[in-house]
Structure formats: C-alpha cells, structure tokens
Amino acid sequence: MGLYSRHILPRCLDMACGIGPIDKQRAKIVPLAKGQVVEIGIGSGLNLAHYDSARISGVIGVDPDDHIWALSSERRAAVDFPVERIGLSGEAITLDDNCADTVVVTYSLCTIPDPVAALKEMRRVLRPDGEILFCEHGKAVDPKVSKWQNRIDPVWKKLSGGCHTGRDIPALFDQAGLEILDLNERYIPGPKILGYNYWGRAR
C-alpha cells in the first residue's frame, strides 16, 4: 500500500464524504437506529454524531482500512456510547447470527467489491425484527448521466479507493433477498454523475 492509499486517500475520502449535502443525507437515516448497531463501512466515523444515544446501546463498526479508522478518534471520543471496530470487509462479518437490532450502511456499497455478499451478511447478523438503514449514491435515473457514470467508472474507482459511480442500489438489495420497506431517491447538490442518492429502510 503506497503513500496515496495510506495517507492522501483516507483524508480525501473523509473530506468528500463529510460535505454538507452528504451530511444532511446521513442525518435523515442514522438517527433512526436503535439497540445494538452494526455499521458497515464505518470509516472515519462520520455517522457517529448523528446517532441518538438515547436509542442505541452501542456501535460495532466494520471496516478493513486502518488508516481511515485512525481519523475517527476524535469523533469516537465525542460520543457517550461504546464504539468498536472489526477490521474486515463487509462480505465476511465475524459476528453471530441475529446479533444486531439495526444495521447501518451509508456510502459504502459503492466500494465493497461484492456488495450482494455484504448485504447477505447484513441480513444474517440482523435480528428478525431489525432493520437495515441505508443511504447510498448510485445509478442515476437520467440515461445520459447513467451513460457517463459507466464511462468514467474504470478511472474513478482507481482514484477513489474502489468506489463505483453507478451501482443499481435497489437491485442489489433484491439480489440479496432483502425487502426495501421505504425507498427515497433524488439528486443531491453536486455533480450529477456522483449525486444520485438512494436512502431508506430494508428487512
């Protein structure tokens, strides 16, 4: 792993994923979490400030990147609930079945190499009455924008740590055997090629 991946990319991702429009999207989803939370792609802890500490008992984060996790130290220190991390990818979560009341995944399905396998793991660790809360960017509804997403994807994923510009988020949930209970979608402010967002709840 070179200098770019160790030091430059984590800070770029932290800044890019913390901008105002994305933070507003996080605020629509994360406060709905309750009980024991498993967060996929916890990264630098950008969701931590949005959890309602009166509703949750703790957060177990799943993320393979030690360098971006190191950027979360101040955010972890600022919350009054326990936060721990499993340093693995979302496709292989070393947790028991039915251990989570809520699974949270925000702006991570774009990067996970096998997002369907990761969603199946989320389904496995989720209790029968639990919910997956998600907010992701993905495939745009405008065919012209979608075409450009496909064109730039090979280059973009190399620059952005594996991020894909236009994954079909609802289709991924369907392939994983999950039912989306509440789906919202729209462009958020910023470049359309990266700005089409999906968010909601799934079981």
N, C-alpha and C. Protein backbone atom coordinates (compact mmCIF):
# COMPACT_ATOMS: atom_id res chain seq x y z
N MET A 1 0.85 -1.19 0.00
CA MET A 1 0.00 0.00 0.00
C MET A 1 0.88 1.23 0.00
N GLY A 2 0.71 2.11 -0.99
CA GLY A 2 1.58 3.25 -1.15
C GLY A 2 1.16 4.45 -0.33
N LEU A 3 1.92 5.53 -0.50
CA LEU A 3 1.66 6.77 0.23
C LEU A 3 0.26 7.30 -0.04
N TYR A 4 -0.18 7.23 -1.29
CA TYR A 4 -1.50 7.75 -1.66
C TYR A 4 -2.60 7.01 -0.88
N SER A 5 -2.53 5.68 -0.86
CA SER A 5 -3.57 4.88 -0.19
C SER A 5 -3.51 4.99 1.32
N ARG A 6 -2.30 5.18 1.86
CA ARG A 6 -2.15 5.23 3.32
C ARG A 6 -2.54 6.58 3.91
N HIS A 7 -2.20 7.66 3.22
CA HIS A 7 -2.31 8.98 3.84
C HIS A 7 -3.19 9.97 3.07
N ILE A 8 -3.05 10.00 1.75
CA ILE A 8 -3.78 11.00 0.97
C ILE A 8 -5.23 10.60 0.77
N LEU A 9 -5.47 9.36 0.30
CA LEU A 9 -6.83 8.92 0.01
C LEU A 9 -7.74 8.95 1.24
N PRO A 10 -7.31 8.43 2.42
CA PRO A 10 -8.21 8.49 3.58
C PRO A 10 -8.67 9.90 3.92
N ARG A 11 -7.78 10.87 3.84
CA ARG A 11 -8.16 12.25 4.17
C ARG A 11 -9.07 12.85 3.09
N CYS A 12 -8.82 12.49 1.83
CA CYS A 12 -9.69 12.96 0.76
C CYS A 12 -11.10 12.39 0.92
N LEU A 13 -11.19 11.10 1.26
CA LEU A 13 -12.50 10.48 1.45
C LEU A 13 -13.22 11.09 2.65
N ASP A 14 -12.47 11.36 3.71
CA ASP A 14 -13.07 11.96 4.90
C ASP A 14 -13.67 13.33 4.58
N MET A 15 -12.95 14.12 3.80
CA MET A 15 -13.45 15.45 3.43
C MET A 15 -14.63 15.35 2.47
N ALA A 16 -14.49 14.51 1.44
CA ALA A 16 -15.53 14.40 0.42
C ALA A 16 -16.82 13.86 1.00
N CYS A 17 -16.71 12.87 1.88
CA CYS A 17 -17.91 12.23 2.45
C CYS A 17 -18.49 13.01 3.62
N GLY A 18 -17.83 14.11 3.99
CA GLY A 18 -18.33 14.93 5.09
C GLY A 18 -18.90 16.26 4.66
N ILE A 19 -19.02 16.48 3.35
CA ILE A 19 -19.55 17.76 2.88
C ILE A 19 -21.03 17.89 3.24
N GLY A 20 -21.52 19.14 3.23
CA GLY A 20 -22.86 19.44 3.71
C GLY A 20 -23.99 18.59 3.15
N PRO A 21 -24.13 18.47 1.83
CA PRO A 21 -25.25 17.69 1.29
C PRO A 21 -25.23 16.22 1.71
N ILE A 22 -24.04 15.64 1.81
CA ILE A 22 -23.95 14.25 2.24
C ILE A 22 -24.24 14.14 3.73
N ASP A 23 -23.77 15.10 4.51
CA ASP A 23 -24.06 15.08 5.94
C ASP A 23 -25.56 15.18 6.19
N LYS A 24 -26.26 15.97 5.38
CA LYS A 24 -27.71 16.08 5.52
C LYS A 24 -28.39 14.76 5.20
N GLN A 25 -27.84 14.02 4.26
CA GLN A 25 -28.39 12.69 3.95
C GLN A 25 -28.20 11.74 5.12
N ARG A 26 -27.03 11.77 5.71
CA ARG A 26 -26.77 10.93 6.89
C ARG A 26 -27.78 11.23 8.00
N ALA A 27 -28.08 12.51 8.16
CA ALA A 27 -28.99 12.94 9.23
C ALA A 27 -30.42 12.45 9.03
N LYS A 28 -30.76 12.04 7.81
CA LYS A 28 -32.10 11.51 7.56
C LYS A 28 -32.24 10.06 8.01
N ILE A 29 -31.13 9.35 8.09
CA ILE A 29 -31.16 7.90 8.30
C ILE A 29 -30.61 7.47 9.65
N VAL A 30 -29.42 7.95 9.98
CA VAL A 30 -28.70 7.42 11.15
C VAL A 30 -29.46 7.58 12.46
N PRO A 31 -30.16 8.71 12.72
CA PRO A 31 -30.87 8.84 14.00
C PRO A 31 -31.99 7.82 14.20
N LEU A 32 -32.39 7.11 13.15
CA LEU A 32 -33.45 6.10 13.27
C LEU A 32 -32.94 4.80 13.89
N ALA A 33 -31.63 4.65 13.99
CA ALA A 33 -31.05 3.41 14.53
C ALA A 33 -31.44 3.22 15.99
N LYS A 34 -31.59 1.95 16.37
CA LYS A 34 -31.91 1.63 17.76
C LYS A 34 -31.21 0.35 18.18
N GLY A 35 -31.06 0.19 19.51
CA GLY A 35 -30.47 -1.02 20.06
C GLY A 35 -29.01 -1.17 19.70
N GLN A 36 -28.59 -2.44 19.52
CA GLN A 36 -27.22 -2.73 19.12
C GLN A 36 -27.08 -2.49 17.63
N VAL A 37 -26.16 -1.61 17.28
CA VAL A 37 -25.97 -1.22 15.88
C VAL A 37 -24.70 -1.87 15.33
N VAL A 38 -24.80 -2.38 14.12
CA VAL A 38 -23.63 -2.77 13.34
C VAL A 38 -23.56 -1.82 12.15
N GLU A 39 -22.47 -1.10 12.03
CA GLU A 39 -22.31 -0.15 10.93
C GLU A 39 -21.27 -0.67 9.94
N ILE A 40 -21.70 -0.85 8.70
CA ILE A 40 -20.82 -1.35 7.66
C ILE A 40 -20.12 -0.18 6.99
N GLY A 41 -18.79 -0.24 6.92
CA GLY A 41 -18.03 0.86 6.35
C GLY A 41 -18.00 2.07 7.26
N ILE A 42 -17.68 1.85 8.52
CA ILE A 42 -17.71 2.96 9.49
C ILE A 42 -16.66 4.02 9.17
N GLY A 43 -15.58 3.64 8.50
CA GLY A 43 -14.60 4.60 8.02
C GLY A 43 -14.07 5.53 9.09
N SER A 44 -14.18 6.83 8.85
CA SER A 44 -13.66 7.83 9.78
C SER A 44 -14.71 8.30 10.78
N GLY A 45 -15.80 7.56 10.89
CA GLY A 45 -16.79 7.85 11.93
C GLY A 45 -17.71 9.02 11.65
N LEU A 46 -17.95 9.32 10.39
CA LEU A 46 -18.79 10.48 10.05
C LEU A 46 -20.24 10.32 10.50
N ASN A 47 -20.69 9.10 10.72
CA ASN A 47 -22.07 8.89 11.19
C ASN A 47 -22.21 9.06 12.69
N LEU A 48 -21.13 9.00 13.44
CA LEU A 48 -21.23 8.89 14.89
C LEU A 48 -22.02 10.03 15.53
N ALA A 49 -21.82 11.24 15.04
CA ALA A 49 -22.50 12.40 15.63
C ALA A 49 -24.00 12.38 15.39
N HIS A 50 -24.46 11.54 14.45
CA HIS A 50 -25.89 11.51 14.11
C HIS A 50 -26.68 10.46 14.88
N TYR A 51 -26.01 9.56 15.58
CA TYR A 51 -26.75 8.57 16.36
C TYR A 51 -27.43 9.22 17.55
N ASP A 52 -28.61 8.74 17.87
CA ASP A 52 -29.33 9.19 19.06
C ASP A 52 -28.91 8.27 20.21
N SER A 53 -28.10 8.79 21.11
CA SER A 53 -27.53 7.96 22.17
C SER A 53 -28.59 7.41 23.12
N ALA A 54 -29.78 8.01 23.12
CA ALA A 54 -30.86 7.51 23.96
C ALA A 54 -31.52 6.27 23.35
N ARG A 55 -31.27 6.04 22.07
CA ARG A 55 -31.93 4.93 21.37
C ARG A 55 -31.03 3.72 21.15
N ILE A 56 -29.69 3.92 21.23
CA ILE A 56 -28.79 2.82 20.91
C ILE A 56 -27.97 2.41 22.12
N SER A 57 -27.51 1.15 22.09
CA SER A 57 -26.65 0.66 23.17
C SER A 57 -25.18 0.67 22.80
N GLY A 58 -24.89 0.75 21.51
CA GLY A 58 -23.50 0.78 21.07
C GLY A 58 -23.41 0.54 19.58
N VAL A 59 -22.22 0.81 19.04
CA VAL A 59 -21.97 0.64 17.60
C VAL A 59 -20.76 -0.26 17.41
N ILE A 60 -20.95 -1.30 16.61
CA ILE A 60 -19.84 -2.13 16.16
C ILE A 60 -19.60 -1.80 14.69
N GLY A 61 -18.48 -1.19 14.41
CA GLY A 61 -18.16 -0.81 13.04
C GLY A 61 -17.39 -1.90 12.31
N VAL A 62 -17.65 -2.03 11.04
CA VAL A 62 -16.94 -2.98 10.19
C VAL A 62 -16.25 -2.18 9.10
N ASP A 63 -14.92 -2.28 9.05
CA ASP A 63 -14.16 -1.54 8.03
C ASP A 63 -12.75 -2.11 7.97
N PRO A 64 -12.25 -2.39 6.76
CA PRO A 64 -10.92 -3.00 6.66
C PRO A 64 -9.76 -2.02 6.70
N ASP A 65 -10.03 -0.72 6.62
CA ASP A 65 -8.96 0.26 6.42
C ASP A 65 -8.49 0.88 7.74
N ASP A 66 -7.31 0.49 8.19
CA ASP A 66 -6.76 1.01 9.44
C ASP A 66 -6.52 2.52 9.37
N HIS A 67 -6.15 3.01 8.20
CA HIS A 67 -5.74 4.41 8.08
C HIS A 67 -6.93 5.36 8.17
N ILE A 68 -8.03 5.01 7.54
CA ILE A 68 -9.20 5.89 7.65
C ILE A 68 -9.85 5.75 9.03
N TRP A 69 -9.75 4.57 9.66
CA TRP A 69 -10.26 4.39 11.01
C TRP A 69 -9.52 5.29 12.00
N ALA A 70 -8.22 5.48 11.77
CA ALA A 70 -7.43 6.33 12.67
C ALA A 70 -7.96 7.77 12.69
N LEU A 71 -8.62 8.19 11.62
CA LEU A 71 -9.16 9.54 11.55
C LEU A 71 -10.42 9.72 12.40
N SER A 72 -10.94 8.61 12.92
CA SER A 72 -12.19 8.67 13.69
C SER A 72 -11.99 8.91 15.18
N SER A 73 -10.76 9.01 15.65
CA SER A 73 -10.50 9.01 17.09
C SER A 73 -11.23 10.14 17.82
N GLU A 74 -11.21 11.35 17.28
CA GLU A 74 -11.88 12.47 17.95
C GLU A 74 -13.40 12.29 17.93
N ARG A 75 -13.93 11.78 16.85
CA ARG A 75 -15.38 11.56 16.76
C ARG A 75 -15.81 10.47 17.73
N ARG A 76 -15.00 9.46 17.91
CA ARG A 76 -15.33 8.40 18.89
C ARG A 76 -15.29 8.96 20.31
N ALA A 77 -14.33 9.81 20.57
CA ALA A 77 -14.19 10.38 21.91
C ALA A 77 -15.34 11.32 22.25
N ALA A 78 -16.01 11.84 21.25
CA ALA A 78 -17.06 12.84 21.47
C ALA A 78 -18.43 12.23 21.75
N VAL A 79 -18.59 10.91 21.61
CA VAL A 79 -19.90 10.29 21.83
C VAL A 79 -19.93 9.54 23.16
N ASP A 80 -21.14 9.35 23.69
CA ASP A 80 -21.26 8.72 25.01
C ASP A 80 -21.81 7.30 24.93
N PHE A 81 -21.52 6.61 23.84
CA PHE A 81 -21.87 5.20 23.72
C PHE A 81 -20.65 4.45 23.20
N PRO A 82 -20.54 3.15 23.51
CA PRO A 82 -19.36 2.41 23.09
C PRO A 82 -19.28 2.22 21.58
N VAL A 83 -18.08 2.38 21.06
CA VAL A 83 -17.82 2.18 19.63
C VAL A 83 -16.62 1.26 19.50
N GLU A 84 -16.78 0.18 18.77
CA GLU A 84 -15.66 -0.71 18.49
C GLU A 84 -15.64 -1.03 17.01
N ARG A 85 -14.57 -1.66 16.58
CA ARG A 85 -14.40 -1.91 15.15
C ARG A 85 -13.89 -3.32 14.90
N ILE A 86 -14.44 -3.92 13.85
CA ILE A 86 -13.92 -5.18 13.31
C ILE A 86 -13.22 -4.83 12.01
N GLY A 87 -11.94 -5.13 11.91
CA GLY A 87 -11.15 -4.72 10.75
C GLY A 87 -11.26 -5.66 9.58
N LEU A 88 -12.47 -5.89 9.13
CA LEU A 88 -12.71 -6.77 7.99
C LEU A 88 -13.65 -6.10 7.01
N SER A 89 -13.71 -6.63 5.80
CA SER A 89 -14.65 -6.15 4.81
C SER A 89 -16.06 -6.64 5.14
N GLY A 90 -17.06 -5.97 4.58
CA GLY A 90 -18.45 -6.31 4.87
C GLY A 90 -18.88 -7.67 4.35
N GLU A 91 -18.11 -8.28 3.45
CA GLU A 91 -18.50 -9.59 2.92
C GLU A 91 -18.29 -10.72 3.91
N ALA A 92 -17.53 -10.47 4.98
CA ALA A 92 -17.23 -11.51 5.97
C ALA A 92 -17.24 -10.89 7.35
N ILE A 93 -18.40 -10.82 7.96
CA ILE A 93 -18.56 -10.18 9.26
C ILE A 93 -18.44 -11.24 10.35
N THR A 94 -17.46 -11.09 11.22
CA THR A 94 -17.22 -12.09 12.26
C THR A 94 -18.09 -11.81 13.48
N LEU A 95 -19.39 -11.83 13.28
CA LEU A 95 -20.36 -11.66 14.35
C LEU A 95 -21.38 -12.78 14.27
N ASP A 96 -22.02 -13.06 15.39
CA ASP A 96 -23.03 -14.11 15.44
C ASP A 96 -24.26 -13.74 14.63
N ASP A 97 -25.02 -14.75 14.24
CA ASP A 97 -26.31 -14.52 13.60
C ASP A 97 -27.23 -13.76 14.56
N ASN A 98 -28.10 -12.94 14.01
CA ASN A 98 -29.17 -12.28 14.77
C ASN A 98 -28.66 -11.49 15.98
N CYS A 99 -27.55 -10.78 15.78
CA CYS A 99 -26.96 -10.05 16.92
C CYS A 99 -27.22 -8.55 16.87
N ALA A 100 -27.75 -8.05 15.76
CA ALA A 100 -27.92 -6.60 15.60
C ALA A 100 -29.39 -6.23 15.54
N ASP A 101 -29.74 -5.18 16.26
CA ASP A 101 -31.08 -4.61 16.13
C ASP A 101 -31.19 -3.73 14.88
N THR A 102 -30.08 -3.09 14.53
CA THR A 102 -30.03 -2.21 13.37
C THR A 102 -28.69 -2.39 12.66
N VAL A 103 -28.73 -2.46 11.35
CA VAL A 103 -27.51 -2.38 10.53
C VAL A 103 -27.57 -1.07 9.77
N VAL A 104 -26.51 -0.32 9.83
CA VAL A 104 -26.41 0.97 9.12
C VAL A 104 -25.34 0.86 8.05
N VAL A 105 -25.68 1.26 6.83
CA VAL A 105 -24.69 1.30 5.76
C VAL A 105 -24.90 2.58 4.96
N THR A 106 -23.90 3.45 4.96
CA THR A 106 -24.00 4.72 4.24
C THR A 106 -22.75 4.91 3.39
N TYR A 107 -22.96 5.17 2.12
CA TYR A 107 -21.88 5.48 1.19
C TYR A 107 -20.75 4.45 1.25
N SER A 108 -21.14 3.18 1.31
CA SER A 108 -20.17 2.09 1.38
C SER A 108 -20.42 1.01 0.34
N LEU A 109 -21.68 0.80 -0.07
CA LEU A 109 -21.97 -0.23 -1.05
C LEU A 109 -21.31 0.07 -2.40
N CYS A 110 -20.96 1.32 -2.62
CA CYS A 110 -20.27 1.69 -3.86
C CYS A 110 -18.87 1.12 -3.92
N THR A 111 -18.28 0.84 -2.76
CA THR A 111 -16.86 0.48 -2.69
C THR A 111 -16.64 -1.00 -2.41
N ILE A 112 -17.53 -1.64 -1.69
CA ILE A 112 -17.36 -3.06 -1.33
C ILE A 112 -17.27 -3.89 -2.61
N PRO A 113 -16.22 -4.71 -2.76
CA PRO A 113 -16.05 -5.48 -4.00
C PRO A 113 -17.25 -6.34 -4.36
N ASP A 114 -17.87 -7.00 -3.38
CA ASP A 114 -19.04 -7.85 -3.64
C ASP A 114 -20.19 -7.35 -2.76
N PRO A 115 -20.93 -6.34 -3.23
CA PRO A 115 -21.96 -5.74 -2.38
C PRO A 115 -23.11 -6.68 -2.05
N VAL A 116 -23.43 -7.61 -2.94
CA VAL A 116 -24.51 -8.56 -2.66
C VAL A 116 -24.11 -9.49 -1.51
N ALA A 117 -22.86 -9.97 -1.53
CA ALA A 117 -22.38 -10.80 -0.42
C ALA A 117 -22.41 -10.03 0.90
N ALA A 118 -22.06 -8.75 0.84
CA ALA A 118 -22.09 -7.92 2.06
C ALA A 118 -23.51 -7.75 2.57
N LEU A 119 -24.46 -7.53 1.67
CA LEU A 119 -25.86 -7.39 2.08
C LEU A 119 -26.40 -8.69 2.66
N LYS A 120 -25.96 -9.81 2.15
CA LYS A 120 -26.37 -11.10 2.72
C LYS A 120 -25.82 -11.27 4.13
N GLU A 121 -24.61 -10.78 4.36
CA GLU A 121 -24.04 -10.80 5.70
C GLU A 121 -24.81 -9.88 6.64
N MET A 122 -25.22 -8.73 6.13
CA MET A 122 -26.05 -7.83 6.94
C MET A 122 -27.36 -8.50 7.31
N ARG A 123 -27.95 -9.21 6.37
CA ARG A 123 -29.19 -9.94 6.64
C ARG A 123 -28.96 -11.01 7.70
N ARG A 124 -27.80 -11.65 7.65
CA ARG A 124 -27.51 -12.73 8.60
C ARG A 124 -27.38 -12.21 10.03
N VAL A 125 -26.69 -11.09 10.22
CA VAL A 125 -26.46 -10.60 11.58
C VAL A 125 -27.66 -9.84 12.13
N LEU A 126 -28.60 -9.49 11.28
CA LEU A 126 -29.77 -8.72 11.71
C LEU A 126 -30.80 -9.61 12.40
N ARG A 127 -31.34 -9.13 13.51
CA ARG A 127 -32.42 -9.86 14.18
C ARG A 127 -33.67 -9.83 13.31
N PRO A 128 -34.56 -10.82 13.48
CA PRO A 128 -35.75 -10.90 12.61
C PRO A 128 -36.60 -9.64 12.59
N ASP A 129 -36.63 -8.91 13.69
CA ASP A 129 -37.44 -7.69 13.74
C ASP A 129 -36.61 -6.43 13.53
N GLY A 130 -35.34 -6.60 13.12
CA GLY A 130 -34.46 -5.47 12.93
C GLY A 130 -34.58 -4.87 11.54
N GLU A 131 -33.85 -3.77 11.31
CA GLU A 131 -33.89 -3.08 10.02
C GLU A 131 -32.49 -2.70 9.57
N ILE A 132 -32.32 -2.68 8.26
CA ILE A 132 -31.14 -2.09 7.65
C ILE A 132 -31.49 -0.67 7.24
N LEU A 133 -30.72 0.28 7.71
CA LEU A 133 -30.87 1.69 7.31
C LEU A 133 -29.76 2.01 6.33
N PHE A 134 -30.13 2.54 5.17
CA PHE A 134 -29.12 2.74 4.13
C PHE A 134 -29.25 4.12 3.48
N CYS A 135 -28.13 4.62 3.04
CA CYS A 135 -28.07 5.83 2.23
C CYS A 135 -26.85 5.69 1.33
N GLU A 136 -27.07 5.67 0.03
CA GLU A 136 -26.00 5.40 -0.93
C GLU A 136 -26.17 6.25 -2.16
N HIS A 137 -25.06 6.53 -2.83
CA HIS A 137 -25.16 7.10 -4.18
C HIS A 137 -25.11 5.94 -5.16
N GLY A 138 -25.71 6.14 -6.34
CA GLY A 138 -25.74 5.04 -7.29
C GLY A 138 -26.22 5.45 -8.66
N LYS A 139 -26.78 4.48 -9.35
CA LYS A 139 -27.18 4.66 -10.74
C LYS A 139 -28.22 5.76 -10.88
N ALA A 140 -27.93 6.71 -11.75
CA ALA A 140 -28.84 7.82 -11.98
C ALA A 140 -30.01 7.39 -12.88
N VAL A 141 -31.16 8.04 -12.68
CA VAL A 141 -32.33 7.70 -13.49
C VAL A 141 -32.23 8.32 -14.89
N ASP A 142 -31.49 9.38 -15.02
CA ASP A 142 -31.31 10.03 -16.32
C ASP A 142 -30.36 9.18 -17.17
N PRO A 143 -30.79 8.63 -18.31
CA PRO A 143 -29.93 7.77 -19.13
C PRO A 143 -28.62 8.43 -19.54
N LYS A 144 -28.65 9.74 -19.80
CA LYS A 144 -27.41 10.42 -20.19
C LYS A 144 -26.40 10.44 -19.06
N VAL A 145 -26.90 10.69 -17.85
CA VAL A 145 -26.00 10.69 -16.68
C VAL A 145 -25.49 9.28 -16.42
N SER A 146 -26.39 8.31 -16.50
CA SER A 146 -26.00 6.92 -16.27
C SER A 146 -24.93 6.47 -17.26
N LYS A 147 -25.05 6.91 -18.51
CA LYS A 147 -24.06 6.55 -19.53
C LYS A 147 -22.68 7.10 -19.16
N TRP A 148 -22.68 8.33 -18.65
CA TRP A 148 -21.40 8.92 -18.24
C TRP A 148 -20.84 8.25 -17.00
N GLN A 149 -21.72 7.81 -16.12
CA GLN A 149 -21.25 7.04 -14.96
C GLN A 149 -20.48 5.80 -15.41
N ASN A 150 -21.03 5.10 -16.39
CA ASN A 150 -20.37 3.90 -16.91
C ASN A 150 -19.05 4.23 -17.59
N ARG A 151 -18.99 5.37 -18.26
CA ARG A 151 -17.77 5.75 -18.97
C ARG A 151 -16.61 6.06 -18.01
N ILE A 152 -16.92 6.80 -16.94
CA ILE A 152 -15.82 7.21 -16.06
C ILE A 152 -15.50 6.19 -14.98
N ASP A 153 -16.35 5.19 -14.81
CA ASP A 153 -16.22 4.26 -13.69
C ASP A 153 -14.83 3.60 -13.60
N PRO A 154 -14.26 3.09 -14.70
CA PRO A 154 -12.96 2.43 -14.58
C PRO A 154 -11.86 3.32 -14.02
N VAL A 155 -11.89 4.60 -14.39
CA VAL A 155 -10.88 5.53 -13.90
C VAL A 155 -11.21 5.98 -12.49
N TRP A 156 -12.49 6.30 -12.26
CA TRP A 156 -12.91 6.82 -10.96
C TRP A 156 -12.60 5.84 -9.83
N LYS A 157 -12.87 4.55 -10.05
CA LYS A 157 -12.67 3.59 -8.95
C LYS A 157 -11.19 3.45 -8.57
N LYS A 158 -10.29 3.70 -9.54
CA LYS A 158 -8.87 3.65 -9.23
C LYS A 158 -8.44 4.84 -8.38
N LEU A 159 -9.06 5.99 -8.63
CA LEU A 159 -8.70 7.21 -7.90
C LEU A 159 -9.34 7.28 -6.52
N SER A 160 -10.49 6.59 -6.36
CA SER A 160 -11.30 6.79 -5.15
C SER A 160 -11.37 5.56 -4.25
N GLY A 161 -10.40 4.68 -4.36
CA GLY A 161 -10.36 3.53 -3.46
C GLY A 161 -11.39 2.47 -3.76
N GLY A 162 -11.79 2.35 -5.03
CA GLY A 162 -12.72 1.30 -5.43
C GLY A 162 -14.16 1.72 -5.56
N CYS A 163 -14.45 3.00 -5.40
CA CYS A 163 -15.83 3.49 -5.48
C CYS A 163 -16.36 3.38 -6.91
N HIS A 164 -17.54 2.79 -7.05
CA HIS A 164 -18.23 2.70 -8.33
C HIS A 164 -19.27 3.82 -8.41
N THR A 165 -19.36 4.47 -9.54
CA THR A 165 -20.22 5.64 -9.67
C THR A 165 -21.70 5.31 -9.79
N GLY A 166 -22.04 4.15 -10.37
CA GLY A 166 -23.44 3.93 -10.74
C GLY A 166 -24.01 2.56 -10.44
N ARG A 167 -23.75 2.03 -9.27
CA ARG A 167 -24.35 0.74 -8.92
C ARG A 167 -25.86 0.90 -8.71
N ASP A 168 -26.60 -0.12 -9.13
CA ASP A 168 -28.06 -0.12 -9.00
C ASP A 168 -28.41 -0.58 -7.59
N ILE A 169 -28.58 0.36 -6.69
CA ILE A 169 -28.74 0.05 -5.27
C ILE A 169 -29.99 -0.80 -4.99
N PRO A 170 -31.18 -0.44 -5.48
CA PRO A 170 -32.35 -1.29 -5.22
C PRO A 170 -32.17 -2.71 -5.74
N ALA A 171 -31.52 -2.87 -6.89
CA ALA A 171 -31.30 -4.20 -7.44
C ALA A 171 -30.39 -5.04 -6.55
N LEU A 172 -29.41 -4.40 -5.92
CA LEU A 172 -28.50 -5.13 -5.02
C LEU A 172 -29.26 -5.70 -3.83
N PHE A 173 -30.15 -4.90 -3.26
CA PHE A 173 -30.96 -5.39 -2.14
C PHE A 173 -31.84 -6.55 -2.57
N ASP A 174 -32.42 -6.46 -3.74
CA ASP A 174 -33.26 -7.53 -4.25
C ASP A 174 -32.45 -8.81 -4.45
N GLN A 175 -31.26 -8.69 -5.00
CA GLN A 175 -30.41 -9.86 -5.23
C GLN A 175 -29.99 -10.53 -3.92
N ALA A 176 -29.93 -9.75 -2.85
CA ALA A 176 -29.53 -10.28 -1.54
C ALA A 176 -30.72 -10.84 -0.76
N GLY A 177 -31.91 -10.79 -1.34
CA GLY A 177 -33.10 -11.32 -0.66
C GLY A 177 -33.64 -10.41 0.42
N LEU A 178 -33.40 -9.11 0.25
CA LEU A 178 -33.88 -8.13 1.22
C LEU A 178 -35.03 -7.33 0.64
N GLU A 179 -35.97 -6.98 1.49
CA GLU A 179 -37.13 -6.20 1.07
C GLU A 179 -36.94 -4.75 1.50
N ILE A 180 -36.99 -3.85 0.54
CA ILE A 180 -36.92 -2.42 0.86
C ILE A 180 -38.30 -1.95 1.30
N LEU A 181 -38.38 -1.45 2.52
CA LEU A 181 -39.65 -1.01 3.10
C LEU A 181 -39.96 0.44 2.75
N ASP A 182 -38.92 1.22 2.56
CA ASP A 182 -39.09 2.66 2.37
C ASP A 182 -37.95 3.13 1.49
N LEU A 183 -38.24 3.51 0.26
CA LEU A 183 -37.20 3.92 -0.68
C LEU A 183 -37.42 5.36 -1.12
N ASN A 184 -36.39 6.16 -0.95
CA ASN A 184 -36.39 7.54 -1.44
C ASN A 184 -35.22 7.69 -2.39
N GLU A 185 -35.38 8.50 -3.40
CA GLU A 185 -34.28 8.72 -4.34
C GLU A 185 -34.38 10.10 -4.98
N ARG A 186 -33.21 10.71 -5.19
CA ARG A 186 -33.15 12.03 -5.81
C ARG A 186 -31.69 12.43 -6.00
N TYR A 187 -31.48 13.43 -6.84
CA TYR A 187 -30.16 14.06 -6.92
C TYR A 187 -29.98 14.95 -5.70
N ILE A 188 -28.78 14.94 -5.14
CA ILE A 188 -28.43 15.90 -4.11
C ILE A 188 -27.49 16.92 -4.73
N PRO A 189 -27.31 18.09 -4.12
CA PRO A 189 -26.44 19.11 -4.71
C PRO A 189 -25.03 18.59 -4.97
N GLY A 190 -24.50 18.94 -6.14
CA GLY A 190 -23.18 18.49 -6.53
C GLY A 190 -23.22 17.90 -7.92
N PRO A 191 -22.11 17.32 -8.37
CA PRO A 191 -22.06 16.73 -9.71
C PRO A 191 -23.09 15.60 -9.85
N LYS A 192 -23.91 15.67 -10.90
CA LYS A 192 -24.95 14.65 -11.07
C LYS A 192 -24.37 13.26 -11.20
N ILE A 193 -23.19 13.17 -11.75
CA ILE A 193 -22.59 11.87 -12.01
C ILE A 193 -22.30 11.10 -10.71
N LEU A 194 -22.20 11.84 -9.60
CA LEU A 194 -21.97 11.22 -8.29
C LEU A 194 -23.09 11.53 -7.30
N GLY A 195 -24.13 12.23 -7.78
CA GLY A 195 -25.08 12.80 -6.84
C GLY A 195 -26.45 12.16 -6.76
N TYR A 196 -26.67 11.03 -7.47
CA TYR A 196 -27.99 10.42 -7.36
C TYR A 196 -28.01 9.51 -6.14
N ASN A 197 -28.88 9.83 -5.18
CA ASN A 197 -28.89 9.13 -3.89
C ASN A 197 -30.14 8.28 -3.70
N TYR A 198 -29.93 7.15 -3.03
CA TYR A 198 -31.00 6.26 -2.58
C TYR A 198 -30.90 6.15 -1.07
N TRP A 199 -32.03 6.25 -0.37
CA TRP A 199 -32.00 6.05 1.07
C TRP A 199 -33.33 5.49 1.56
N GLY A 200 -33.24 4.78 2.70
CA GLY A 200 -34.46 4.20 3.24
C GLY A 200 -34.18 3.09 4.24
N ARG A 201 -35.15 2.17 4.34
CA ARG A 201 -35.10 1.07 5.30
C ARG A 201 -35.36 -0.26 4.57
N ALA A 202 -34.72 -1.32 5.07
CA ALA A 202 -34.92 -2.64 4.46
C ALA A 202 -34.95 -3.71 5.54
N ARG A 203 -35.58 -4.84 5.19
CA ARG A 203 -35.58 -6.02 6.07
C ARG A 203 -35.29 -7.25 5.25
